[in-house]
Amino acid sequence: MQREAKILFLVLLIFSIHTTAQSTFINHGNRDNHFLDRVEIKYNKTGNFNFSTVKPFSRKFLMQQINLVDSQYLNSINKIDKYNFESVYMNNIEWVNPASSFLPAPSFLPAPSFLKSNRSLIKSLYVTKSNLFEIKNEDLFLCINPIINIQYGHESSYGKELFINSRGLTLRGMIGQKIGFSSTIIDNQERGPQFFQQIVSQYRAVPGVGFYKIFKGDTSAYDYFDGRGYLTFKASKFIDFQLGFDKNFIGNGYRSLFLSDNANSNLFAKINTRLWKFNYQNLYMELMPQFKKKGDILLTRKFAVIHHLSIDVTKKLNIGFFESVMLSRSDHIDFEYLNPVIFYRHIEGNVGSPDNAIAGFDFKQNIQHKIQVYGQLLLDEFVLSKIKNKPSNWVNKFGYQLGAKYIDAFNIRNLDVQIEMNRVRPFTYSHNDTLCNYTHYNQPLAHPLGANFQELIGIISFQPAPRLNLYARSIYYYKGLDSSLQSYGGNIFRSYSARGNQNDGYYVGSGNKIHCLNLLLNASYEIKRNLFFDAGFLLRNDKLQNEKITNSASVFNVGIRLNISRREYDY
């Protein structure tokens, strides 16, 4: 991989010589993502939303989308959405024009008056409301912000207190409006609920992060570091490049069956081409297969390459096409896979078909500025004759997602409802070569449940006042678990040959079926811009059907966080 990476970096560097203004990105968990959903469904009439399936969002494209709000709405926007508009501008201040808060502008222009802080600390701190420290001129934009997340909680029938203690720093900027950069470092100590601890023990990784150490000799608490960063530059008006260590997400739902951000960050190179009604993304990733770490040793590598093409078919309909290949090479990536405009299945066949190829289709449709329906279809293997004659055959490896978002539901302002269903057949994402399974750092790379499950999600988000957000989420799923001797296709880390000679009889939920219900209620109050007080209650119940074992957990937590999203226990 080192040879190919050097070549790719050299090509990107040559392209970057003639770059234009370049943007950094907004993480998938950022609250601005939900507001973009509202804008895209309720206010937008241009149909220009082909970029929003791939995340994180470019700050520049986000601002352009916000600025496409039809002028007829500007005088009728309610005070809560106006507050949210202002938050978006404050958090993306490098793209704000002082003359009009609804037009993007070069980053060296000063901030509009409504973005400026009423009082600043030591003159140079919090000059604007969202950034602790900020430099903004023709040659450099730089902002630096602290990250704090202090949460304490209690779980019923558990004698130890739960806590999260996160401290860090995030910075982003642009150099000469040609190169964008971002870096985030967070030091964390965490004792989560008992079911969270069981997942850490099972996967030998903290969900969403990866490597960890035992905190102060307590095996129920973990000490881990989360570091991310990237460089981004623009080769032309239409083509963006990004090199970094971070996460990516492809989809319109709460979950993604293509690529999710629930696993650890990874090294990647990304090319994004946005032209007319098309958005085309190439993603090259260096990943880590399943491992058991023993001391300071160099871990094995594997590689993934991804294409995603998004098309605005009409002003209300967007469709997308996805393909990926997981490679088990330990020291290189085949040059054929660096081709950004070829079908990977063809390449995979040319090199001998040793790799794990996946394809997919996604869509979203806006209806009457109130509703958006969306979905994904994932094909790992699909044999039409087996579907017709033997639907329970193991080779029928596929999954699908269907969902809907309802904005201002039941004519209640800022009450948003989302429902989503995900269903994945047994053995999907797995491979006979365990290095080629669709995983990274001991965690699934797409849906956190892996395969052999069906899941139903319901979300209610209500903002009754500008600073107050109420959030309710319900997740119910059932999943078929493997036994030590027999694979039923639920554990995607196992080779699909572990099924033995049994080829039929595999249905969603086959094996030792587990039923799980996860309920969350949360209230967040914004004390000042990006500083939140949280109070939440989580109830989780799971039951192993064959063994008649039931586990219950009820968790209450309170805390405060600054410039960081909530920690989720949504599995």
Protein backbone atom coordinates (compact mmCIF):
# COMPACT_ATOMS: atom_id res chain seq x y z
CA MET A 1 0.00 0.00 0.00
CA GLN A 2 2.91 2.37 0.67
CA ARG A 3 3.90 2.45 -3.01
CA GLU A 4 0.34 3.08 -4.23
CA ALA A 5 -0.29 5.63 -1.48
CA LYS A 6 2.78 7.63 -2.50
CA ILE A 7 1.68 7.62 -6.13
CA LEU A 8 -1.86 8.65 -5.22
CA PHE A 9 -0.58 11.40 -2.92
CA LEU A 10 1.72 12.71 -5.68
CA VAL A 11 -1.18 12.83 -8.16
CA LEU A 12 -3.34 14.68 -5.65
CA LEU A 13 -0.51 17.09 -4.88
CA ILE A 14 -0.07 17.92 -8.58
CA PHE A 15 -3.82 18.58 -8.88
CA SER A 16 -3.72 20.81 -5.81
CA ILE A 17 -1.35 23.34 -7.41
CA HIS A 18 -4.29 25.07 -9.12
CA THR A 19 -6.88 24.69 -6.38
CA THR A 20 -9.72 27.05 -5.64
CA ALA A 21 -11.45 27.82 -2.33
CA GLN A 22 -11.62 24.63 -0.27
CA SER A 23 -13.85 23.59 2.61
CA THR A 24 -13.63 21.39 5.68
CA PHE A 25 -16.39 19.00 6.75
CA ILE A 26 -19.12 18.57 9.39
CA ASN A 27 -19.14 15.29 11.31
CA HIS A 28 -22.15 13.02 10.87
CA GLY A 29 -23.22 13.36 14.52
CA ASN A 30 -23.36 17.15 14.36
CA ARG A 31 -26.83 18.63 15.01
CA ASP A 32 -26.58 20.68 11.79
CA ASN A 33 -27.22 17.43 9.91
CA HIS A 34 -30.77 17.19 11.25
CA PHE A 35 -31.44 20.82 10.38
CA LEU A 36 -30.23 20.16 6.84
CA ASP A 37 -32.90 17.44 6.65
CA ARG A 38 -35.51 20.05 7.53
CA VAL A 39 -34.16 22.50 4.95
CA GLU A 40 -33.92 19.83 2.27
CA ILE A 41 -37.51 18.65 2.80
CA LYS A 42 -39.35 21.80 3.86
CA TYR A 43 -37.67 24.76 2.20
CA ASN A 44 -35.72 23.61 -0.85
CA LYS A 45 -37.39 23.87 -4.28
CA THR A 46 -34.33 23.57 -6.52
CA GLY A 47 -33.84 19.80 -6.16
CA ASN A 48 -30.12 20.39 -5.65
CA PHE A 49 -29.48 17.76 -2.99
CA ASN A 50 -27.33 15.12 -4.69
CA PHE A 51 -24.43 15.58 -2.25
CA SER A 52 -26.29 14.94 1.00
CA THR A 53 -26.27 11.12 0.86
CA VAL A 54 -22.51 11.01 1.49
CA LYS A 55 -21.30 12.30 4.84
CA PRO A 56 -19.60 14.16 6.41
CA PHE A 57 -20.97 17.24 4.68
CA SER A 58 -18.74 19.85 3.13
CA ARG A 59 -19.27 23.08 5.06
CA LYS A 60 -19.26 25.01 1.80
CA PHE A 61 -21.91 22.78 0.22
CA LEU A 62 -23.96 22.91 3.41
CA MET A 63 -23.98 26.70 3.29
CA GLN A 64 -24.83 26.66 -0.40
CA GLN A 65 -27.75 24.37 0.32
CA ILE A 66 -28.94 26.58 3.18
CA ASN A 67 -28.69 29.58 0.89
CA LEU A 68 -30.89 27.90 -1.74
CA VAL A 69 -33.91 28.33 0.51
CA ASP A 70 -36.60 29.76 -1.69
CA SER A 71 -37.02 33.50 -1.09
CA GLN A 72 -40.75 33.09 -0.46
CA TYR A 73 -39.91 31.42 2.85
CA LEU A 74 -37.56 34.07 4.23
CA ASN A 75 -40.30 36.17 5.81
CA SER A 76 -42.25 33.22 7.17
CA ILE A 77 -39.49 31.23 8.91
CA ASN A 78 -40.47 30.71 12.54
CA LYS A 79 -38.23 31.91 15.35
CA ILE A 80 -36.98 28.40 16.14
CA ASP A 81 -35.82 27.71 12.60
CA LYS A 82 -34.36 31.21 12.48
CA TYR A 83 -32.34 30.33 15.58
CA ASN A 84 -31.20 27.15 13.84
CA PHE A 85 -30.25 29.08 10.70
CA GLU A 86 -28.14 31.40 12.84
CA SER A 87 -26.46 28.40 14.49
CA VAL A 88 -25.49 27.00 11.11
CA TYR A 89 -23.95 30.31 10.11
CA MET A 90 -22.12 30.66 13.42
CA ASN A 91 -20.66 27.17 13.12
CA ASN A 92 -19.58 27.72 9.50
CA ILE A 93 -18.49 31.32 9.76
CA GLU A 94 -15.79 31.07 7.08
CA TRP A 95 -18.54 30.90 4.43
CA VAL A 96 -20.69 33.82 5.59
CA ASN A 97 -21.11 37.11 3.71
CA PRO A 98 -21.46 40.21 5.92
CA ALA A 99 -23.70 41.92 3.39
CA SER A 100 -26.33 39.19 3.43
CA SER A 101 -26.58 36.34 5.91
CA PHE A 102 -28.14 34.21 3.17
CA LEU A 103 -25.27 34.33 0.67
CA PRO A 104 -21.91 32.52 0.83
CA ALA A 105 -18.73 34.54 0.50
CA PRO A 106 -14.92 34.22 0.63
CA SER A 107 -13.53 33.37 4.03
CA PHE A 108 -11.51 36.56 4.51
CA LEU A 109 -14.62 38.75 4.83
CA PRO A 110 -15.55 39.77 8.40
CA ALA A 111 -18.49 38.18 10.20
CA PRO A 112 -21.95 39.79 10.20
CA SER A 113 -22.86 41.62 13.37
CA PHE A 114 -25.31 38.97 14.59
CA LEU A 115 -22.43 36.46 14.72
CA LYS A 116 -20.25 38.63 16.91
CA SER A 117 -20.12 38.04 20.64
CA ASN A 118 -21.59 40.73 22.90
CA ARG A 119 -18.59 40.37 25.15
CA SER A 120 -15.25 38.75 24.41
CA LEU A 121 -12.68 37.33 26.80
CA ILE A 122 -9.23 38.94 26.82
CA LYS A 123 -10.09 40.70 23.54
CA SER A 124 -9.02 37.83 21.26
CA LEU A 125 -11.17 35.04 22.76
CA TYR A 126 -14.80 34.47 21.75
CA VAL A 127 -14.85 37.45 19.43
CA THR A 128 -17.57 35.49 17.62
CA LYS A 129 -20.15 33.49 19.53
CA SER A 130 -19.09 30.01 18.42
CA ASN A 131 -15.29 30.05 18.36
CA LEU A 132 -12.90 30.34 21.28
CA PHE A 133 -10.11 31.64 19.07
CA GLU A 134 -10.39 32.80 15.49
CA ILE A 135 -8.15 34.24 12.77
CA LYS A 136 -9.75 35.40 9.56
CA ASN A 137 -7.88 37.21 6.78
CA GLU A 138 -7.02 36.80 3.10
CA ASP A 139 -4.30 34.23 3.73
CA LEU A 140 -5.59 32.23 6.66
CA PHE A 141 -8.76 31.15 8.37
CA LEU A 142 -8.25 29.34 11.67
CA CYS A 143 -10.58 28.60 14.54
CA ILE A 144 -9.80 26.62 17.70
CA ASN A 145 -12.36 25.28 20.15
CA PRO A 146 -12.26 23.18 23.32
CA ILE A 147 -14.16 19.90 23.63
CA ILE A 148 -15.72 18.90 26.95
CA ASN A 149 -18.12 16.08 27.74
CA ILE A 150 -18.77 15.29 31.40
CA GLN A 151 -21.65 12.89 32.02
CA TYR A 152 -22.61 10.97 35.15
CA GLY A 153 -25.23 8.27 35.44
CA HIS A 154 -26.66 5.38 37.39
CA GLU A 155 -27.79 1.96 36.18
CA SER A 156 -30.32 -0.04 38.13
CA SER A 157 -29.01 -3.25 39.72
CA TYR A 158 -25.42 -2.11 39.20
CA GLY A 159 -23.27 -0.97 42.08
CA LYS A 160 -20.89 1.30 40.17
CA GLU A 161 -21.59 4.79 38.91
CA LEU A 162 -21.46 5.40 35.17
CA PHE A 163 -19.43 8.25 33.73
CA ILE A 164 -17.91 9.82 30.65
CA ASN A 165 -15.04 12.27 31.02
CA SER A 166 -13.84 13.68 27.70
CA ARG A 167 -11.50 16.63 27.17
CA GLY A 168 -10.03 17.71 23.90
CA LEU A 169 -9.38 20.31 21.27
CA THR A 170 -10.60 20.79 17.72
CA LEU A 171 -9.31 23.14 15.06
CA ARG A 172 -10.06 23.75 11.44
CA GLY A 173 -9.02 26.24 8.82
CA MET A 174 -8.02 27.15 5.29
CA ILE A 175 -4.68 28.30 3.94
CA GLY A 176 -4.86 30.81 1.13
CA GLN A 177 -8.35 29.51 0.34
CA LYS A 178 -6.67 26.55 -1.37
CA ILE A 179 -6.03 23.96 1.33
CA GLY A 180 -8.43 23.05 4.10
CA PHE A 181 -7.40 21.23 7.25
CA SER A 182 -8.99 19.87 10.40
CA SER A 183 -7.71 18.13 13.52
CA THR A 184 -9.49 16.79 16.60
CA ILE A 185 -7.94 15.16 19.66
CA ILE A 186 -10.01 13.86 22.59
CA ASP A 187 -8.88 12.02 25.71
CA ASN A 188 -11.66 9.88 27.19
CA GLN A 189 -12.43 7.86 30.30
CA GLU A 190 -15.70 5.95 30.29
CA ARG A 191 -17.70 3.46 32.28
CA GLY A 192 -20.82 2.72 30.27
CA PRO A 193 -23.81 0.48 30.99
CA GLN A 194 -23.20 -3.23 31.51
CA PHE A 195 -24.39 -4.17 28.01
CA PHE A 196 -21.84 -1.69 26.63
CA GLN A 197 -19.13 -3.36 28.71
CA GLN A 198 -20.13 -6.76 27.31
CA ILE A 199 -19.74 -5.44 23.75
CA VAL A 200 -16.27 -4.07 24.54
CA SER A 201 -15.32 -7.46 25.99
CA GLN A 202 -16.79 -9.35 23.03
CA TYR A 203 -15.24 -7.26 20.26
CA ARG A 204 -12.09 -6.15 22.15
CA ALA A 205 -12.77 -2.57 21.02
CA VAL A 206 -14.71 0.41 22.33
CA PRO A 207 -17.65 1.01 19.93
CA GLY A 208 -16.85 3.81 17.54
CA VAL A 209 -13.26 4.13 18.67
CA GLY A 210 -11.15 1.01 18.89
CA PHE A 211 -7.99 0.72 20.97
CA TYR A 212 -8.39 1.20 24.71
CA LYS A 213 -6.76 0.55 28.07
CA ILE A 214 -8.24 -0.42 31.40
CA PHE A 215 -8.79 2.71 33.47
CA LYS A 216 -6.96 2.65 36.82
CA GLY A 217 -7.11 -1.14 37.07
CA ASP A 218 -10.92 -1.22 36.85
CA THR A 219 -11.97 -3.70 34.13
CA SER A 220 -15.39 -2.04 33.86
CA ALA A 221 -13.93 1.36 32.85
CA TYR A 222 -11.90 2.28 29.79
CA ASP A 223 -9.30 4.88 28.92
CA TYR A 224 -9.03 5.67 25.21
CA PHE A 225 -7.84 8.38 22.87
CA ASP A 226 -9.72 9.59 19.79
CA GLY A 227 -7.60 11.46 17.25
CA ARG A 228 -8.76 12.51 13.79
CA GLY A 229 -7.45 14.81 11.09
CA TYR A 230 -7.36 15.48 7.36
CA LEU A 231 -6.26 17.77 4.56
CA THR A 232 -8.60 18.73 1.75
CA PHE A 233 -8.06 20.61 -1.49
CA LYS A 234 -9.87 21.29 -4.74
CA ALA A 235 -8.49 20.41 -8.17
CA SER A 236 -11.17 22.35 -10.04
CA LYS A 237 -14.61 23.79 -9.57
CA PHE A 238 -16.06 20.30 -9.60
CA ILE A 239 -13.45 17.96 -8.02
CA ASP A 240 -12.46 17.77 -4.34
CA PHE A 241 -9.71 15.69 -2.74
CA GLN A 242 -9.37 14.65 0.87
CA LEU A 243 -6.61 12.74 2.67
CA GLY A 244 -7.08 11.89 6.32
CA PHE A 245 -7.80 9.65 9.27
CA ASP A 246 -11.49 9.93 10.09
CA LYS A 247 -14.93 8.37 9.38
CA ASN A 248 -17.31 8.35 6.42
CA PHE A 249 -21.00 7.54 6.06
CA ILE A 250 -23.11 6.74 2.97
CA GLY A 251 -26.87 6.87 3.33
CA ASN A 252 -29.93 8.93 4.22
CA GLY A 253 -31.06 7.01 7.30
CA TYR A 254 -30.17 6.66 10.94
CA ARG A 255 -28.29 3.50 9.94
CA SER A 256 -26.43 2.65 6.75
CA LEU A 257 -26.08 -0.75 5.12
CA PHE A 258 -23.30 0.57 2.86
CA LEU A 259 -20.82 2.39 5.07
CA SER A 260 -21.36 3.70 8.59
CA ASP A 261 -19.44 5.70 11.19
CA ASN A 262 -20.02 3.29 14.08
CA ALA A 263 -16.56 1.68 13.71
CA ASN A 264 -13.15 3.20 14.43
CA SER A 265 -11.68 5.95 12.25
CA ASN A 266 -9.46 4.83 9.38
CA LEU A 267 -6.88 6.12 6.94
CA PHE A 268 -8.48 7.11 3.63
CA ALA A 269 -8.13 9.06 0.40
CA LYS A 270 -11.30 10.47 -1.15
CA ILE A 271 -12.11 12.00 -4.54
CA ASN A 272 -15.50 13.71 -4.82
CA THR A 273 -16.78 14.98 -8.17
CA ARG A 274 -19.89 17.14 -8.17
CA LEU A 275 -21.22 18.22 -11.57
CA TRP A 276 -24.73 19.29 -12.55
CA LYS A 277 -27.11 16.64 -11.17
CA PHE A 278 -24.34 14.16 -10.31
CA ASN A 279 -22.22 13.58 -7.24
CA TYR A 280 -19.59 10.85 -7.64
CA GLN A 281 -17.37 9.73 -4.79
CA ASN A 282 -14.31 7.44 -4.81
CA LEU A 283 -13.07 6.23 -1.43
CA TYR A 284 -9.85 4.30 -0.79
CA MET A 285 -9.48 3.00 2.78
CA GLU A 286 -6.81 1.20 4.78
CA LEU A 287 -8.49 -0.97 7.43
CA MET A 288 -7.61 -3.47 10.14
CA PRO A 289 -9.03 -7.03 10.18
CA GLN A 290 -10.06 -8.84 13.34
CA PHE A 291 -7.20 -9.20 15.77
CA LYS A 292 -6.29 -9.90 19.37
CA LYS A 293 -3.69 -7.38 20.45
CA LYS A 294 -0.75 -8.75 22.42
CA GLY A 295 1.75 -6.05 23.34
CA ASP A 296 3.23 -3.54 20.92
CA ILE A 297 3.08 -5.33 17.59
CA LEU A 298 2.32 -4.14 14.07
CA LEU A 299 -1.25 -5.08 13.18
CA THR A 300 -2.23 -6.61 9.84
CA ARG A 301 -3.86 -4.38 7.23
CA LYS A 302 -6.55 -4.82 4.61
CA PHE A 303 -8.00 -2.40 2.09
CA ALA A 304 -11.37 -1.31 0.76
CA VAL A 305 -12.29 0.68 -2.33
CA ILE A 306 -15.73 2.26 -2.79
CA HIS A 307 -17.67 4.04 -5.53
CA HIS A 308 -20.92 5.91 -4.94
CA LEU A 309 -22.82 7.79 -7.65
CA SER A 310 -25.73 10.04 -6.63
CA ILE A 311 -28.12 11.50 -9.22
CA ASP A 312 -30.92 14.06 -8.89
CA VAL A 313 -33.44 12.49 -11.28
CA THR A 314 -36.02 15.19 -10.56
CA LYS A 315 -36.30 18.08 -8.12
CA LYS A 316 -37.80 15.66 -5.60
CA LEU A 317 -36.16 12.31 -6.42
CA ASN A 318 -32.55 11.28 -5.88
CA ILE A 319 -31.10 7.84 -6.60
CA GLY A 320 -27.67 6.39 -5.95
CA PHE A 321 -25.51 3.44 -6.97
CA PHE A 322 -22.92 1.87 -4.65
CA GLU A 323 -20.15 -0.67 -5.08
CA SER A 324 -17.23 -1.74 -2.91
CA VAL A 325 -14.52 -4.36 -2.75
CA MET A 326 -12.74 -5.54 0.39
CA LEU A 327 -9.17 -6.73 -0.29
CA SER A 328 -7.17 -9.05 1.95
CA ARG A 329 -3.74 -7.92 0.75
CA SER A 330 -1.41 -7.41 3.71
CA ASP A 331 1.05 -5.04 2.05
CA HIS A 332 -0.43 -3.54 -1.12
CA ILE A 333 -3.52 -2.69 -3.11
CA ASP A 334 -3.86 -3.78 -6.74
CA PHE A 335 -3.36 -0.91 -9.19
CA GLU A 336 -6.53 -1.91 -11.06
CA TYR A 337 -8.64 -0.80 -8.08
CA LEU A 338 -7.24 2.74 -8.26
CA ASN A 339 -9.21 3.31 -11.48
CA PRO A 340 -11.97 5.73 -10.41
CA VAL A 341 -14.39 5.03 -13.29
CA ILE A 342 -14.54 1.25 -13.66
CA PHE A 343 -16.81 -1.40 -12.17
CA TYR A 344 -15.04 -3.15 -9.29
CA ARG A 345 -16.77 -6.49 -9.95
CA HIS A 346 -15.01 -6.61 -13.34
CA ILE A 347 -11.64 -5.91 -11.73
CA GLU A 348 -12.29 -8.42 -8.97
CA GLY A 349 -12.92 -11.08 -11.61
CA ASN A 350 -9.75 -10.15 -13.52
CA VAL A 351 -7.53 -10.63 -10.47
CA GLY A 352 -9.05 -14.04 -9.69
CA SER A 353 -12.12 -13.15 -7.56
CA PRO A 354 -10.37 -13.49 -4.19
CA ASP A 355 -12.04 -10.38 -2.78
CA ASN A 356 -15.40 -9.49 -1.23
CA ALA A 357 -17.44 -7.40 -3.69
CA ILE A 358 -20.69 -5.68 -2.67
CA ALA A 359 -23.12 -3.58 -4.71
CA GLY A 360 -26.13 -1.50 -3.78
CA PHE A 361 -28.83 0.99 -4.69
CA ASP A 362 -30.31 3.86 -2.67
CA PHE A 363 -33.01 6.48 -3.13
CA LYS A 364 -34.82 9.34 -1.46
CA GLN A 365 -38.04 11.07 -2.51
CA ASN A 366 -39.45 14.32 -1.12
CA ILE A 367 -43.24 14.64 -0.88
CA GLN A 368 -45.14 17.92 -0.47
CA HIS A 369 -42.38 19.65 1.52
CA LYS A 370 -43.38 17.49 4.49
CA ILE A 371 -42.11 13.94 4.01
CA GLN A 372 -39.01 12.23 2.70
CA VAL A 373 -38.98 8.48 2.04
CA TYR A 374 -35.64 6.75 1.57
CA GLY A 375 -34.08 3.34 1.33
CA GLN A 376 -31.12 1.12 0.46
CA LEU A 377 -30.76 -2.26 -1.21
CA LEU A 378 -27.49 -4.11 -0.54
CA LEU A 379 -26.41 -7.10 -2.64
CA ASP A 380 -23.52 -9.18 -1.34
CA GLU A 381 -24.51 -12.23 -3.36
CA PHE A 382 -27.79 -12.60 -5.23
CA VAL A 383 -28.73 -15.73 -7.18
CA LEU A 384 -32.14 -15.28 -8.83
CA SER A 385 -32.76 -19.03 -9.20
CA LYS A 386 -32.09 -19.51 -5.47
CA ILE A 387 -34.41 -16.64 -4.56
CA LYS A 388 -37.19 -18.26 -6.58
CA ASN A 389 -36.65 -21.90 -5.65
CA LYS A 390 -34.65 -21.90 -2.41
CA PRO A 391 -35.13 -18.55 -0.63
CA SER A 392 -33.53 -19.91 2.57
CA ASN A 393 -30.27 -20.83 0.81
CA TRP A 394 -27.16 -19.29 2.39
CA VAL A 395 -25.98 -17.67 -0.88
CA ASN A 396 -28.93 -15.25 -0.78
CA LYS A 397 -26.85 -12.60 0.97
CA PHE A 398 -28.57 -9.24 0.83
CA GLY A 399 -30.19 -6.57 2.97
CA TYR A 400 -32.49 -3.61 2.62
CA GLN A 401 -33.54 -0.45 4.40
CA LEU A 402 -36.80 1.51 4.19
CA GLY A 403 -37.50 4.72 6.06
CA ALA A 404 -39.41 7.98 6.18
CA LYS A 405 -38.92 11.43 7.73
CA TYR A 406 -41.95 13.57 8.57
CA ILE A 407 -41.16 17.27 9.12
CA ASP A 408 -43.46 19.42 11.31
CA ALA A 409 -45.48 16.29 11.94
CA PHE A 410 -49.22 16.66 12.48
CA ASN A 411 -48.81 20.41 11.79
CA ILE A 412 -46.81 20.88 15.00
CA ARG A 413 -43.90 23.20 14.35
CA ASN A 414 -40.45 21.65 14.78
CA LEU A 415 -41.83 18.23 15.65
CA ASP A 416 -39.99 15.78 13.39
CA VAL A 417 -40.65 12.05 13.21
CA GLN A 418 -38.54 9.34 11.59
CA ILE A 419 -39.21 5.64 11.17
CA GLU A 420 -36.80 3.13 9.69
CA MET A 421 -36.60 -0.59 9.09
CA ASN A 422 -33.39 -2.51 8.39
CA ARG A 423 -33.26 -6.20 7.46
CA VAL A 424 -30.09 -8.14 6.57
CA ARG A 425 -29.95 -11.80 5.58
CA PRO A 426 -27.57 -14.33 7.22
CA PHE A 427 -23.93 -14.40 6.02
CA THR A 428 -24.16 -10.94 4.40
CA TYR A 429 -20.84 -9.04 4.70
CA SER A 430 -18.95 -12.28 5.52
CA HIS A 431 -16.44 -14.11 3.30
CA ASN A 432 -14.61 -17.41 3.19
CA ASP A 433 -11.38 -15.43 3.75
CA THR A 434 -11.98 -13.79 7.14
CA LEU A 435 -9.62 -10.96 6.20
CA CYS A 436 -12.17 -9.95 3.54
CA ASN A 437 -15.21 -9.61 5.80
CA TYR A 438 -16.81 -6.18 5.89
CA THR A 439 -15.28 -5.07 9.20
CA HIS A 440 -12.69 -2.71 10.63
CA TYR A 441 -10.87 -2.79 13.96
CA ASN A 442 -13.00 -5.62 15.41
CA GLN A 443 -16.25 -3.84 14.52
CA PRO A 444 -18.78 -4.06 11.65
CA LEU A 445 -18.12 -1.44 8.99
CA ALA A 446 -21.80 -0.95 8.09
CA HIS A 447 -24.63 -1.79 10.49
CA PRO A 448 -23.46 -2.40 14.10
CA LEU A 449 -25.58 -5.59 14.32
CA GLY A 450 -23.67 -7.23 11.47
CA ALA A 451 -26.05 -9.66 9.74
CA ASN A 452 -28.98 -12.03 10.34
CA PHE A 453 -31.23 -9.40 11.94
CA GLN A 454 -34.29 -7.23 11.48
CA GLU A 455 -34.48 -3.83 13.15
CA LEU A 456 -37.19 -1.19 13.56
CA ILE A 457 -36.31 2.35 14.64
CA GLY A 458 -38.60 5.20 15.62
CA ILE A 459 -37.34 8.72 16.40
CA ILE A 460 -39.18 11.82 17.61
CA SER A 461 -37.29 15.10 17.71
CA PHE A 462 -39.10 18.13 19.12
CA GLN A 463 -37.74 21.65 19.54
CA PRO A 464 -40.46 23.57 21.45
CA ALA A 465 -38.15 26.53 22.08
CA PRO A 466 -34.97 27.74 20.37
CA ARG A 467 -32.62 26.43 23.08
CA LEU A 468 -34.52 23.29 24.10
CA ASN A 469 -34.41 19.97 22.23
CA LEU A 470 -36.43 16.91 23.26
CA TYR A 471 -35.47 13.58 21.74
CA ALA A 472 -37.06 10.13 21.95
CA ARG A 473 -35.75 7.03 20.20
CA SER A 474 -37.03 3.45 20.13
CA ILE A 475 -35.02 0.58 18.65
CA TYR A 476 -36.38 -2.94 18.48
CA TYR A 477 -34.55 -5.78 16.79
CA TYR A 478 -34.25 -9.52 16.70
CA LYS A 479 -31.08 -11.27 15.61
CA GLY A 480 -29.95 -14.87 15.16
CA LEU A 481 -26.82 -15.68 17.14
CA ASP A 482 -24.29 -18.36 16.25
CA SER A 483 -23.34 -21.27 18.46
CA SER A 484 -19.75 -22.28 19.08
CA LEU A 485 -20.09 -25.20 16.65
CA GLN A 486 -22.50 -23.87 14.05
CA SER A 487 -22.59 -20.60 12.15
CA TYR A 488 -26.05 -19.23 11.35
CA GLY A 489 -24.67 -16.18 9.56
CA GLY A 490 -24.98 -13.64 12.36
CA ASN A 491 -21.29 -13.27 13.17
CA ILE A 492 -19.75 -11.61 10.12
CA PHE A 493 -16.24 -12.17 11.48
CA ARG A 494 -16.60 -15.93 10.91
CA SER A 495 -15.99 -17.57 7.56
CA TYR A 496 -19.22 -18.53 5.84
CA SER A 497 -17.73 -22.03 5.46
CA ALA A 498 -18.33 -22.46 9.22
CA ARG A 499 -21.92 -23.39 8.31
CA GLY A 500 -20.60 -26.88 7.46
CA ASN A 501 -22.53 -28.82 4.83
CA GLN A 502 -25.84 -27.12 5.58
CA ASN A 503 -26.80 -24.91 2.63
CA ASP A 504 -30.52 -24.31 3.24
CA GLY A 505 -32.76 -23.38 6.13
CA TYR A 506 -31.32 -19.93 6.83
CA TYR A 507 -33.90 -17.27 7.62
CA VAL A 508 -33.48 -13.91 9.32
CA GLY A 509 -33.31 -14.82 13.00
CA SER A 510 -32.02 -18.37 12.46
CA GLY A 511 -29.98 -19.70 15.37
CA ASN A 512 -30.33 -18.64 18.99
CA LYS A 513 -32.69 -15.71 18.48
CA ILE A 514 -32.29 -12.64 20.68
CA HIS A 515 -34.99 -9.95 21.00
CA CYS A 516 -33.90 -6.49 22.14
CA LEU A 517 -35.73 -3.25 22.92
CA ASN A 518 -33.74 -0.06 23.46
CA LEU A 519 -35.64 3.11 24.50
CA LEU A 520 -34.11 6.55 25.01
CA LEU A 521 -35.54 9.86 26.27
CA ASN A 522 -33.25 12.86 26.28
CA ALA A 523 -33.56 16.61 26.88
CA SER A 524 -30.84 19.05 25.87
CA TYR A 525 -30.77 22.74 26.76
CA GLU A 526 -28.29 25.04 24.98
CA ILE A 527 -26.87 27.27 27.71
CA LYS A 528 -24.77 29.20 25.20
CA ARG A 529 -23.82 28.44 21.63
CA ASN A 530 -22.66 24.80 21.43
CA LEU A 531 -22.72 24.36 25.24
CA PHE A 532 -25.44 21.90 26.30
CA PHE A 533 -26.89 20.56 29.52
CA ASP A 534 -28.23 17.02 29.03
CA ALA A 535 -30.56 14.80 31.01
CA GLY A 536 -31.52 11.38 29.72
CA PHE A 537 -33.11 8.05 30.54
CA LEU A 538 -32.35 4.80 28.73
CA LEU A 539 -34.22 1.52 29.11
CA ARG A 540 -32.88 -1.64 27.47
CA ASN A 541 -34.28 -5.15 27.60
CA ASP A 542 -32.99 -8.22 25.76
CA LYS A 543 -34.13 -11.81 25.81
CA LEU A 544 -32.50 -14.97 24.46
CA GLN A 545 -35.40 -17.00 23.13
CA ASN A 546 -33.88 -20.50 23.31
CA GLU A 547 -32.30 -20.08 26.73
CA LYS A 548 -35.13 -18.00 28.20
CA ILE A 549 -32.63 -15.52 29.63
CA THR A 550 -33.74 -11.89 30.08
CA ASN A 551 -31.46 -8.94 30.82
CA SER A 552 -32.79 -5.49 31.73
CA ALA A 553 -31.06 -2.18 32.27
CA SER A 554 -32.42 1.26 33.13
CA VAL A 555 -29.94 4.13 33.03
CA PHE A 556 -30.34 7.76 34.07
CA ASN A 557 -27.66 10.33 33.24
CA VAL A 558 -27.02 14.07 33.46
CA GLY A 559 -24.11 16.08 32.16
CA ILE A 560 -22.69 18.96 30.23
CA ARG A 561 -20.95 19.00 26.88
CA LEU A 562 -19.27 21.59 24.68
CA ASN A 563 -18.59 21.22 20.93
CA ILE A 564 -19.31 17.50 20.88
CA SER A 565 -22.32 15.29 20.14
CA ARG A 566 -23.94 12.91 22.64
CA ARG A 567 -22.49 9.48 23.36
CA GLU A 568 -24.96 6.95 21.97
CA TYR A 569 -25.66 3.43 23.25
CA ASP A 570 -27.94 2.48 20.37
CA TYR A 571 -27.43 -1.27 20.04
